[in-house]
Protein backbone atom coordinates (compact mmCIF):
# COMPACT_ATOMS: atom_id res chain seq x y z
CA MET A 1 -9.62 -25.56 24.70
CA LEU A 2 -10.61 -22.14 26.04
CA GLY A 3 -7.22 -21.81 27.68
CA ALA A 4 -5.47 -22.41 24.36
CA ILE A 5 -7.57 -19.76 22.64
CA ILE A 6 -6.89 -17.23 25.40
CA GLY A 7 -3.19 -18.11 25.23
CA LEU A 8 -3.14 -17.48 21.47
CA LEU A 9 -4.87 -14.14 21.93
CA VAL A 10 -2.39 -13.06 24.60
CA LEU A 11 0.56 -14.22 22.48
CA GLY A 12 -0.81 -12.35 19.46
CA LEU A 13 -1.30 -9.20 21.51
CA PHE A 14 2.22 -9.43 22.96
CA VAL A 15 3.94 -10.05 19.62
CA GLY A 16 1.83 -7.45 17.81
CA ALA A 17 2.54 -4.83 20.48
CA LEU A 18 6.27 -5.53 20.29
CA ALA A 19 6.18 -5.21 16.50
CA ARG A 20 4.32 -1.90 16.72
CA PHE A 21 6.84 -0.71 19.31
CA ALA A 22 9.76 -1.76 17.07
CA LEU A 23 8.69 0.40 14.12
CA PRO A 24 8.57 4.17 14.61
CA GLY A 25 5.49 6.22 13.89
CA PRO A 26 1.82 6.12 14.79
CA ASP A 27 -0.29 3.06 14.13
CA PRO A 28 -3.99 3.84 14.46
CA MET A 29 -5.24 0.26 14.67
CA PRO A 30 -7.65 -1.35 17.12
CA LEU A 31 -6.79 -4.08 19.59
CA TRP A 32 -8.14 -6.87 17.38
CA ALA A 33 -5.87 -5.72 14.53
CA THR A 34 -2.85 -5.80 16.84
CA ILE A 35 -3.74 -9.35 17.86
CA GLY A 36 -4.20 -10.35 14.21
CA LEU A 37 -0.86 -8.76 13.32
CA GLY A 38 0.84 -10.68 16.12
CA LEU A 39 -0.72 -14.01 15.14
CA ALA A 40 0.10 -13.58 11.45
CA GLY A 41 3.62 -12.48 12.34
CA SER A 42 4.06 -15.48 14.62
CA PHE A 43 2.99 -17.77 11.80
CA LEU A 44 5.34 -16.11 9.31
CA GLY A 45 8.19 -16.06 11.82
CA GLY A 46 7.59 -19.73 12.62
CA LEU A 47 7.78 -20.64 8.95
CA ILE A 48 11.04 -18.74 8.55
CA ALA A 49 12.45 -20.24 11.76
CA ALA A 50 11.59 -23.74 10.57
CA ALA A 51 13.16 -23.04 7.18
CA ILE A 52 16.46 -22.00 8.75
CA GLY A 53 16.41 -24.93 11.14
CA LEU A 54 15.60 -23.25 14.45
CA ARG A 55 14.59 -25.80 17.06
CA SER A 56 11.28 -25.64 18.90
CA GLY A 57 13.06 -25.51 22.27
CA ASP A 58 14.70 -22.17 21.48
CA THR A 59 12.01 -19.94 22.95
CA PHE A 60 13.89 -16.66 22.60
CA GLY A 61 14.76 -17.36 18.98
CA LEU A 62 11.18 -18.22 18.12
CA LEU A 63 9.90 -15.10 19.88
CA LEU A 64 12.44 -13.00 18.01
CA ALA A 65 11.37 -14.60 14.72
CA ALA A 66 7.70 -13.94 15.54
CA VAL A 67 8.33 -10.27 16.31
CA ALA A 68 10.46 -9.90 13.16
CA GLY A 69 7.69 -11.48 11.08
CA ALA A 70 5.08 -9.19 12.60
CA ALA A 71 7.28 -6.13 12.09
CA PHE A 72 7.75 -7.11 8.44
CA LEU A 73 3.99 -7.47 7.98
CA LEU A 74 3.44 -4.11 9.68
CA PHE A 75 5.98 -2.54 7.33
CA LEU A 76 4.14 -4.01 4.33
CA TYR A 77 0.81 -2.78 5.73
CA ARG A 78 2.11 0.74 6.12
CA ARG A 79 3.77 0.76 2.72
CA PHE A 80 1.04 -0.75 0.55
CA VAL A 81 -2.25 -0.26 2.42
CA GLN A 82 -1.68 3.07 4.15
CA LYS A 83 0.66 4.21 1.34
CA ARG A 84 3.07 6.00 3.62
CA PRO A 85 6.81 5.69 4.17
CA LEU A 86 8.34 4.24 7.31
CA THR A 87 10.33 7.37 8.17
CA GLY A 88 10.42 11.00 7.18
CA PRO A 89 7.81 13.73 7.06
CA GLY A 90 5.23 11.59 5.24
CA SER A 91 5.21 8.92 7.94
CA ARG A 92 2.87 10.84 10.24
């Protein structure tokens, strides 16, 4: 049980860090927020992958869907919570 929780935390951190790396600009968020972003993005990406019929054995495809979901959530966070654009002079 503890191993599964630690695995989820590591997966969330990995996916969240990749999503933050994928979008340009600074992201002043703590480690727990990066993990939460990665877990929520993995969930959203898993739902989208299941909807398009991606199989559970396709690890790379599921990882790509998870990072895309997390990047989309990060974009929404920046746009509606931080109220700043993704690029341009107002993004900093």
